[in-house]
Every structure is written in C-alpha cells, then in structure tokens.
Amino acid sequence: MSCFSSHLLLLYNAFNHRACPEVWTLLISRTRQLQLDMDRPNMTSRVGPRTANTNGTDFKPREKVAPHYQMSASLKSEVRKLNWVHLLIWLLVAAQVIVSHFDLVSHDTVSIPYQWEYPYLLSLIPLLCSSLSLPNNNISYLVISMISAGLFSVAPLIYGGMEMFPVAQQLYRHGKAYRFIFGFSAVTVMYLIMVVAVQVHAWQIYYMKKLLDSWFDATQEKKKK
C-alpha cells in the first residue's frame, strides 16, 4: 500500500512540472514494477494455478495409512474388549474364593471353591501384561501375556473341567448336587463360567497373536527405512 502511495506522489509531481529527469526515470521504473506485481498470481488465493483435475480440497482421499497400522488399531480394540470380559470373570471367581475363605457367608449359600479356581486367580498376570503392552506397542509384555495366558488361564480351566466332570455326571444321572451358589448347583454355575472363559481366552490368544504379527511388520518396515 505504501508503494502504491509513493507511486501516486511521483505521478502528481511529474504532472505538476516539478519533477526532474531522475523523477521521471524512477516513475517509469515504479510503473513497471507495479505492473509486474499485479500480473504475479496470488499464491494464497483460491483462484491461483492448481494441479489439473483438482480443486485443492481433495487432500483427504490422498491420505493413506499403512494396512498394519489400521489392523493394529482394530486388534487393540478387540483385545481391550476381551480384557474387560476376562476381568469380569476373574472378579466372579475371586469373589467366591474370598467369600468362602473368610467365611463371610454360609457355605450353604456360597459353596467352597473347586481346586482349579485358585490357580485361575493367577490369570490376572496375563491380563495386566496385555493391558500394559497396548499403549506403547510393547512386544515383550505381549509375548509374556500370551505365554502366561496358556499357563494361568487355559490350563486351570482344562484341569477344572476334569475335576468337576464326575460331579456333573452325578448331577445329570441322579439329580444330586452337594454344592450350591445362591440356590443353584455350583457345578452348573461354574461350568457356565468356564464355557464363557474358554472362548474369551481363546479369542484373546488369537487376537494377541495377530497383533504381535502386525507389530513385527511395523518394526521391519521401520528398519527398511
């Protein structure tokens, strides 16, 4: 704006016959510079030159995310959901063990736990390791979680299925139950919990294995770069 004002001042002096030849030379130079400035395209304007076949707003479709990053986010979401279900199952088993151990209620109301329930309480270890591995993509914690899930989650459930089978068989054949949880057969309640727990832990291990593969792919890609 100041350049344009000075140009008008020079033009005014020249037409009032007060300009020397140097002023005329400066006036011609300023006029040419002003013409070049007006012809130069405005780079901040939407009317400036653009790449063909684009209006300048199609940057989102050109954004691409590597497939393993998308898969990692999806698998993390699934693992977190399963971890919450795992925690709920663990709390149910822990509640029975605590109530029975401290004699908070009568054993006729909540029966004493089966032997498999005690080692199953250690399934909190793979649950914690899995939760710690997700925020920072910690491969070590995830591997520990997978191994300990087999030892402290799946193995006690397999043992529990064999432990309770004779009791379940007797209940099915003779209709006799010796342990109860709030009026329901304890073996029936615990078998229902076990069926859900087996599916949860199987999906946990499956998704953690897929997540581990995804993290390895991301690590290999970084090394190549």
C-alpha atoms as a PDB file:
ATOM      1  CA  MET A   1       0.000   0.000   0.000  1.00  0.00           C
ATOM      2  CA  SER A   2       2.849   2.415   0.814  1.00  0.00           C
ATOM      3  CA  CYS A   3       4.496   1.590  -2.521  1.00  0.00           C
ATOM      4  CA  PHE A   4       1.291   2.489  -4.341  1.00  0.00           C
ATOM      5  CA  SER A   5       1.023   5.793  -2.394  1.00  0.00           C
ATOM      6  CA  SER A   6       4.602   6.791  -3.247  1.00  0.00           C
ATOM      7  CA  HIS A   7       3.888   5.971  -6.869  1.00  0.00           C
ATOM      8  CA  LEU A   8       0.902   8.371  -6.866  1.00  0.00           C
ATOM      9  CA  LEU A   9       3.058  11.076  -5.267  1.00  0.00           C
ATOM     10  CA  LEU A  10       5.667  10.736  -8.002  1.00  0.00           C
ATOM     11  CA  LEU A  11       2.975  10.866 -10.635  1.00  0.00           C
ATOM     12  CA  TYR A  12       1.470  14.024  -9.078  1.00  0.00           C
ATOM     13  CA  ASN A  13       4.855  15.824  -9.001  1.00  0.00           C
ATOM     14  CA  ALA A  14       5.589  14.854 -12.590  1.00  0.00           C
ATOM     15  CA  PHE A  15       2.329  16.291 -13.892  1.00  0.00           C
ATOM     16  CA  ASN A  16       2.850  19.497 -11.915  1.00  0.00           C
ATOM     17  CA  HIS A  17       6.179  20.052 -13.780  1.00  0.00           C
ATOM     18  CA  ARG A  18       8.132  19.809 -10.608  1.00  0.00           C
ATOM     19  CA  ALA A  19       9.802  16.515 -11.445  1.00  0.00           C
ATOM     20  CA  CYS A  20      13.376  16.366 -12.640  1.00  0.00           C
ATOM     21  CA  PRO A  21      14.527  13.720 -15.198  1.00  0.00           C
ATOM     22  CA  GLU A  22      15.541  11.454 -12.338  1.00  0.00           C
ATOM     23  CA  VAL A  23      11.969  11.517 -11.029  1.00  0.00           C
ATOM     24  CA  TRP A  24      10.646  10.525 -14.482  1.00  0.00           C
ATOM     25  CA  THR A  25      13.102   7.629 -14.613  1.00  0.00           C
ATOM     26  CA  LEU A  26      12.055   6.493 -11.133  1.00  0.00           C
ATOM     27  CA  LEU A  27       8.396   6.867 -12.087  1.00  0.00           C
ATOM     28  CA  ILE A  28       8.826   4.625 -15.157  1.00  0.00           C
ATOM     29  CA  SER A  29      10.687   2.035 -13.067  1.00  0.00           C
ATOM     30  CA  ARG A  30       7.994   2.045 -10.365  1.00  0.00           C
ATOM     31  CA  THR A  31       5.267   1.704 -13.008  1.00  0.00           C
ATOM     32  CA  ARG A  32       6.909  -1.380 -14.477  1.00  0.00           C
ATOM     33  CA  GLN A  33       7.413  -2.911 -11.027  1.00  0.00           C
ATOM     34  CA  LEU A  34       3.777  -2.243 -10.133  1.00  0.00           C
ATOM     35  CA  GLN A  35       2.648  -3.885 -13.370  1.00  0.00           C
ATOM     36  CA  LEU A  36       4.751  -6.990 -12.602  1.00  0.00           C
ATOM     37  CA  ASP A  37       3.318  -7.174  -9.096  1.00  0.00           C
ATOM     38  CA  MET A  38      -0.222  -7.024 -10.439  1.00  0.00           C
ATOM     39  CA  ASP A  39       0.490  -9.737 -13.028  1.00  0.00           C
ATOM     40  CA  ARG A  40       2.048 -12.085 -10.450  1.00  0.00           C
ATOM     41  CA  PRO A  41      -0.540 -14.726  -9.306  1.00  0.00           C
ATOM     42  CA  ASN A  42      -1.636 -14.643  -5.696  1.00  0.00           C
ATOM     43  CA  MET A  43      -0.396 -17.877  -4.172  1.00  0.00           C
ATOM     44  CA  THR A  44      -2.698 -17.578  -1.152  1.00  0.00           C
ATOM     45  CA  SER A  45      -5.802 -17.210  -3.226  1.00  0.00           C
ATOM     46  CA  ARG A  46      -8.140 -19.970  -4.382  1.00  0.00           C
ATOM     47  CA  VAL A  47      -8.005 -18.539  -7.910  1.00  0.00           C
ATOM     48  CA  GLY A  48      -4.293 -19.213  -8.339  1.00  0.00           C
ATOM     49  CA  PRO A  49      -2.883 -22.006 -10.508  1.00  0.00           C
ATOM     50  CA  ARG A  50      -3.558 -25.583  -9.363  1.00  0.00           C
ATOM     51  CA  THR A  51      -2.805 -29.072 -10.412  1.00  0.00           C
ATOM     52  CA  ALA A  52      -5.129 -30.253 -13.128  1.00  0.00           C
ATOM     53  CA  ASN A  53      -8.256 -32.189 -12.099  1.00  0.00           C
ATOM     54  CA  THR A  54      -8.229 -30.933  -8.511  1.00  0.00           C
ATOM     55  CA  ASN A  55      -9.910 -28.093  -6.670  1.00  0.00           C
ATOM     56  CA  GLY A  56      -7.420 -28.063  -3.806  1.00  0.00           C
ATOM     57  CA  THR A  57      -9.750 -29.764  -1.330  1.00  0.00           C
ATOM     58  CA  ASP A  58      -9.124 -33.393  -2.204  1.00  0.00           C
ATOM     59  CA  PHE A  59      -6.215 -33.920   0.181  1.00  0.00           C
ATOM     60  CA  LYS A  60      -8.144 -36.339   2.378  1.00  0.00           C
ATOM     61  CA  PRO A  61      -8.538 -39.055  -0.267  1.00  0.00           C
ATOM     62  CA  ARG A  62      -4.800 -38.835  -0.907  1.00  0.00           C
ATOM     63  CA  GLU A  63      -4.023 -39.566   2.748  1.00  0.00           C
ATOM     64  CA  LYS A  64      -3.114 -43.231   3.186  1.00  0.00           C
ATOM     65  CA  VAL A  65      -2.485 -45.247   6.340  1.00  0.00           C
ATOM     66  CA  ALA A  66      -0.367 -48.391   6.189  1.00  0.00           C
ATOM     67  CA  PRO A  67      -2.502 -51.557   6.463  1.00  0.00           C
ATOM     68  CA  HIS A  68      -0.656 -52.890   9.510  1.00  0.00           C
ATOM     69  CA  TYR A  69      -1.357 -49.667  11.422  1.00  0.00           C
ATOM     70  CA  GLN A  70      -5.069 -49.971  10.660  1.00  0.00           C
ATOM     71  CA  MET A  71      -5.014 -53.632  11.675  1.00  0.00           C
ATOM     72  CA  SER A  72      -3.135 -52.815  14.875  1.00  0.00           C
ATOM     73  CA  ALA A  73      -5.772 -50.280  15.947  1.00  0.00           C
ATOM     74  CA  SER A  74      -8.597 -52.729  15.208  1.00  0.00           C
ATOM     75  CA  LEU A  75      -6.921 -55.613  17.034  1.00  0.00           C
ATOM     76  CA  LYS A  76      -6.170 -53.437  20.064  1.00  0.00           C
ATOM     77  CA  SER A  77      -9.856 -52.593  20.318  1.00  0.00           C
ATOM     78  CA  GLU A  78     -10.812 -56.282  20.261  1.00  0.00           C
ATOM     79  CA  VAL A  79      -8.176 -57.212  22.865  1.00  0.00           C
ATOM     80  CA  ARG A  80      -9.380 -54.439  25.187  1.00  0.00           C
ATOM     81  CA  LYS A  81     -12.978 -55.682  24.974  1.00  0.00           C
ATOM     82  CA  LEU A  82     -11.900 -59.233  25.772  1.00  0.00           C
ATOM     83  CA  ASN A  83      -9.775 -57.989  28.650  1.00  0.00           C
ATOM     84  CA  TRP A  84     -12.828 -56.376  30.227  1.00  0.00           C
ATOM     85  CA  VAL A  85     -14.779 -59.647  29.961  1.00  0.00           C
ATOM     86  CA  HIS A  86     -11.778 -61.521  31.374  1.00  0.00           C
ATOM     87  CA  LEU A  87     -11.666 -59.111  34.299  1.00  0.00           C
ATOM     88  CA  LEU A  88     -15.360 -59.699  34.996  1.00  0.00           C
ATOM     89  CA  ILE A  89     -14.863 -63.495  35.030  1.00  0.00           C
ATOM     90  CA  TRP A  90     -11.828 -63.107  37.290  1.00  0.00           C
ATOM     91  CA  LEU A  91     -13.824 -60.960  39.730  1.00  0.00           C
ATOM     92  CA  LEU A  92     -16.581 -63.584  39.934  1.00  0.00           C
ATOM     93  CA  VAL A  93     -14.105 -66.356  40.721  1.00  0.00           C
ATOM     94  CA  ALA A  94     -12.182 -64.141  43.153  1.00  0.00           C
ATOM     95  CA  ALA A  95     -15.404 -63.174  44.918  1.00  0.00           C
ATOM     96  CA  GLN A  96     -16.296 -66.819  45.546  1.00  0.00           C
ATOM     97  CA  VAL A  97     -12.799 -67.600  46.825  1.00  0.00           C
ATOM     98  CA  ILE A  98     -12.710 -64.574  49.155  1.00  0.00           C
ATOM     99  CA  VAL A  99     -16.239 -65.090  50.488  1.00  0.00           C
ATOM    100  CA  SER A 100     -15.577 -68.761  51.171  1.00  0.00           C
ATOM    101  CA  HIS A 101     -12.077 -68.291  52.582  1.00  0.00           C
ATOM    102  CA  PHE A 102     -13.083 -65.602  55.082  1.00  0.00           C
ATOM    103  CA  ASP A 103     -16.440 -67.265  55.915  1.00  0.00           C
ATOM    104  CA  LEU A 104     -18.347 -64.108  55.044  1.00  0.00           C
ATOM    105  CA  VAL A 105     -21.479 -66.139  54.298  1.00  0.00           C
ATOM    106  CA  SER A 106     -22.599 -69.678  54.983  1.00  0.00           C
ATOM    107  CA  HIS A 107     -21.185 -72.433  52.788  1.00  0.00           C
ATOM    108  CA  ASP A 108     -24.774 -73.462  52.113  1.00  0.00           C
ATOM    109  CA  THR A 109     -25.247 -70.117  50.329  1.00  0.00           C
ATOM    110  CA  VAL A 110     -21.852 -69.935  48.583  1.00  0.00           C
ATOM    111  CA  SER A 111     -20.018 -73.233  48.424  1.00  0.00           C
ATOM    112  CA  ILE A 112     -16.292 -73.681  48.892  1.00  0.00           C
ATOM    113  CA  PRO A 113     -14.302 -73.201  45.661  1.00  0.00           C
ATOM    114  CA  TYR A 114     -13.092 -76.021  43.475  1.00  0.00           C
ATOM    115  CA  GLN A 115      -9.337 -76.577  43.322  1.00  0.00           C
ATOM    116  CA  TRP A 116      -8.961 -75.115  39.816  1.00  0.00           C
ATOM    117  CA  GLU A 117     -10.247 -71.722  40.931  1.00  0.00           C
ATOM    118  CA  TYR A 118      -7.116 -70.962  42.989  1.00  0.00           C
ATOM    119  CA  PRO A 119      -4.571 -71.175  40.150  1.00  0.00           C
ATOM    120  CA  TYR A 120      -7.045 -69.390  37.884  1.00  0.00           C
ATOM    121  CA  LEU A 121      -6.660 -66.297  40.064  1.00  0.00           C
ATOM    122  CA  LEU A 122      -3.151 -66.018  38.575  1.00  0.00           C
ATOM    123  CA  SER A 123      -4.780 -65.237  35.221  1.00  0.00           C
ATOM    124  CA  LEU A 124      -4.649 -61.640  36.405  1.00  0.00           C
ATOM    125  CA  ILE A 125      -0.961 -61.694  35.352  1.00  0.00           C
ATOM    126  CA  PRO A 126      -1.579 -62.131  31.591  1.00  0.00           C
ATOM    127  CA  LEU A 127      -4.451 -59.654  31.859  1.00  0.00           C
ATOM    128  CA  LEU A 128      -2.155 -56.975  33.311  1.00  0.00           C
ATOM    129  CA  CYS A 129       0.644 -57.712  30.838  1.00  0.00           C
ATOM    130  CA  SER A 130      -1.766 -57.483  27.931  1.00  0.00           C
ATOM    131  CA  SER A 131      -3.131 -54.147  29.165  1.00  0.00           C
ATOM    132  CA  LEU A 132       0.386 -52.749  29.659  1.00  0.00           C
ATOM    133  CA  SER A 133       1.506 -53.811  26.183  1.00  0.00           C
ATOM    134  CA  LEU A 134      -1.218 -51.965  24.254  1.00  0.00           C
ATOM    135  CA  PRO A 135      -0.449 -48.236  24.817  1.00  0.00           C
ATOM    136  CA  ASN A 136       3.181 -48.340  23.619  1.00  0.00           C
ATOM    137  CA  ASN A 137       3.108 -51.469  21.420  1.00  0.00           C
ATOM    138  CA  ASN A 138       5.339 -53.311  23.866  1.00  0.00           C
ATOM    139  CA  ILE A 139       6.186 -56.648  22.239  1.00  0.00           C
ATOM    140  CA  SER A 140       7.808 -58.099  25.377  1.00  0.00           C
ATOM    141  CA  TYR A 141       4.710 -57.617  27.524  1.00  0.00           C
ATOM    142  CA  LEU A 142       2.517 -59.064  24.791  1.00  0.00           C
ATOM    143  CA  VAL A 143       4.666 -62.196  24.489  1.00  0.00           C
ATOM    144  CA  ILE A 144       4.613 -62.645  28.283  1.00  0.00           C
ATOM    145  CA  SER A 145       0.837 -62.236  28.231  1.00  0.00           C
ATOM    146  CA  MET A 146       0.408 -64.926  25.558  1.00  0.00           C
ATOM    147  CA  ILE A 147       2.622 -67.445  27.369  1.00  0.00           C
ATOM    148  CA  SER A 148       1.119 -66.806  30.811  1.00  0.00           C
ATOM    149  CA  ALA A 149      -2.399 -66.956  29.356  1.00  0.00           C
ATOM    150  CA  GLY A 150      -1.754 -70.571  28.419  1.00  0.00           C
ATOM    151  CA  LEU A 151      -0.348 -71.357  31.872  1.00  0.00           C
ATOM    152  CA  PHE A 152      -2.659 -69.412  34.173  1.00  0.00           C
ATOM    153  CA  SER A 153      -5.863 -69.090  32.141  1.00  0.00           C
ATOM    154  CA  VAL A 154      -6.291 -72.081  29.844  1.00  0.00           C
ATOM    155  CA  ALA A 155      -4.529 -74.774  31.901  1.00  0.00           C
ATOM    156  CA  PRO A 156      -6.614 -74.233  35.095  1.00  0.00           C
ATOM    157  CA  LEU A 157      -9.802 -74.365  33.016  1.00  0.00           C
ATOM    158  CA  ILE A 158      -8.776 -77.681  31.461  1.00  0.00           C
ATOM    159  CA  TYR A 159      -7.986 -79.062  34.911  1.00  0.00           C
ATOM    160  CA  GLY A 160     -11.274 -77.685  36.251  1.00  0.00           C
ATOM    161  CA  GLY A 161     -13.249 -79.395  33.501  1.00  0.00           C
ATOM    162  CA  MET A 162     -11.761 -82.741  34.522  1.00  0.00           C
ATOM    163  CA  GLU A 163     -12.141 -82.009  38.231  1.00  0.00           C
ATOM    164  CA  MET A 164     -15.847 -81.179  38.023  1.00  0.00           C
ATOM    165  CA  PHE A 165     -16.782 -83.824  35.436  1.00  0.00           C
ATOM    166  CA  PRO A 166     -17.614 -86.600  37.982  1.00  0.00           C
ATOM    167  CA  VAL A 167     -19.793 -84.170  39.955  1.00  0.00           C
ATOM    168  CA  ALA A 168     -21.545 -83.000  36.788  1.00  0.00           C
ATOM    169  CA  GLN A 169     -22.064 -86.613  35.707  1.00  0.00           C
ATOM    170  CA  GLN A 170     -23.639 -87.489  39.050  1.00  0.00           C
ATOM    171  CA  LEU A 171     -25.897 -84.440  38.847  1.00  0.00           C
ATOM    172  CA  TYR A 172     -27.013 -85.405  35.333  1.00  0.00           C
ATOM    173  CA  ARG A 173     -27.668 -89.061  36.159  1.00  0.00           C
ATOM    174  CA  HIS A 174     -29.066 -88.860  39.684  1.00  0.00           C
ATOM    175  CA  GLY A 175     -30.017 -85.208  40.069  1.00  0.00           C
ATOM    176  CA  LYS A 176     -27.920 -84.871  43.192  1.00  0.00           C
ATOM    177  CA  ALA A 177     -25.932 -81.720  43.979  1.00  0.00           C
ATOM    178  CA  TYR A 178     -23.778 -81.148  47.050  1.00  0.00           C
ATOM    179  CA  ARG A 179     -22.533 -77.620  46.470  1.00  0.00           C
ATOM    180  CA  PHE A 180     -24.694 -74.568  45.836  1.00  0.00           C
ATOM    181  CA  ILE A 181     -24.229 -70.922  44.912  1.00  0.00           C
ATOM    182  CA  PHE A 182     -27.292 -68.887  45.904  1.00  0.00           C
ATOM    183  CA  GLY A 183     -29.530 -71.898  45.469  1.00  0.00           C
ATOM    184  CA  PHE A 184     -28.101 -73.032  42.133  1.00  0.00           C
ATOM    185  CA  SER A 185     -25.904 -76.062  41.631  1.00  0.00           C
ATOM    186  CA  ALA A 186     -22.302 -74.894  41.976  1.00  0.00           C
ATOM    187  CA  VAL A 187     -21.030 -77.239  39.279  1.00  0.00           C
ATOM    188  CA  THR A 188     -23.622 -75.884  36.816  1.00  0.00           C
ATOM    189  CA  VAL A 189     -22.730 -72.264  37.587  1.00  0.00           C
ATOM    190  CA  MET A 190     -19.002 -72.905  37.322  1.00  0.00           C
ATOM    191  CA  TYR A 191     -19.365 -74.838  34.065  1.00  0.00           C
ATOM    192  CA  LEU A 192     -21.250 -71.906  32.556  1.00  0.00           C
ATOM    193  CA  ILE A 193     -18.461 -69.566  33.656  1.00  0.00           C
ATOM    194  CA  MET A 194     -15.872 -71.946  32.223  1.00  0.00           C
ATOM    195  CA  VAL A 195     -17.612 -72.118  28.827  1.00  0.00           C
ATOM    196  CA  VAL A 196     -17.507 -68.324  28.559  1.00  0.00           C
ATOM    197  CA  ALA A 197     -13.937 -68.150  29.915  1.00  0.00           C
ATOM    198  CA  VAL A 198     -12.606 -70.705  27.406  1.00  0.00           C
ATOM    199  CA  GLN A 199     -13.996 -68.709  24.491  1.00  0.00           C
ATOM    200  CA  VAL A 200     -12.683 -65.430  25.889  1.00  0.00           C
ATOM    201  CA  HIS A 201      -9.155 -66.771  26.424  1.00  0.00           C
ATOM    202  CA  ALA A 202      -9.086 -68.489  23.031  1.00  0.00           C
ATOM    203  CA  TRP A 203     -10.011 -65.228  21.282  1.00  0.00           C
ATOM    204  CA  GLN A 204      -7.546 -63.317  23.444  1.00  0.00           C
ATOM    205  CA  ILE A 205      -4.646 -65.526  22.368  1.00  0.00           C
ATOM    206  CA  TYR A 206      -5.767 -65.400  18.737  1.00  0.00           C
ATOM    207  CA  TYR A 207      -6.022 -61.607  18.614  1.00  0.00           C
ATOM    208  CA  MET A 208      -2.778 -61.143  20.542  1.00  0.00           C
ATOM    209  CA  LYS A 209      -1.010 -63.385  18.017  1.00  0.00           C
ATOM    210  CA  LYS A 210      -2.415 -61.314  15.142  1.00  0.00           C
ATOM    211  CA  LEU A 211      -1.436 -58.116  16.961  1.00  0.00           C
ATOM    212  CA  LEU A 212       2.086 -59.416  17.511  1.00  0.00           C
ATOM    213  CA  ASP A 213       2.431 -60.131  13.776  1.00  0.00           C
ATOM    214  CA  SER A 214       1.220 -56.629  12.986  1.00  0.00           C
ATOM    215  CA  TRP A 215       3.794 -55.072  15.317  1.00  0.00           C
ATOM    216  CA  PHE A 216       6.566 -57.173  13.805  1.00  0.00           C
ATOM    217  CA  ASP A 217       5.583 -55.942  10.330  1.00  0.00           C
ATOM    218  CA  ALA A 218       5.736 -52.338  11.533  1.00  0.00           C
ATOM    219  CA  THR A 219       9.175 -52.946  13.086  1.00  0.00           C
ATOM    220  CA  GLN A 220      10.508 -54.475   9.869  1.00  0.00           C
ATOM    221  CA  GLU A 221       9.204 -51.539   7.840  1.00  0.00           C
ATOM    222  CA  LYS A 222      10.964 -49.056  10.123  1.00  0.00           C
ATOM    223  CA  LYS A 223      14.234 -50.964   9.757  1.00  0.00           C
ATOM    224  CA  LYS A 224      13.972 -50.848   5.960  1.00  0.00           C
ATOM    225  CA  LYS A 225      13.569 -47.072   6.082  1.00  0.00           C
END
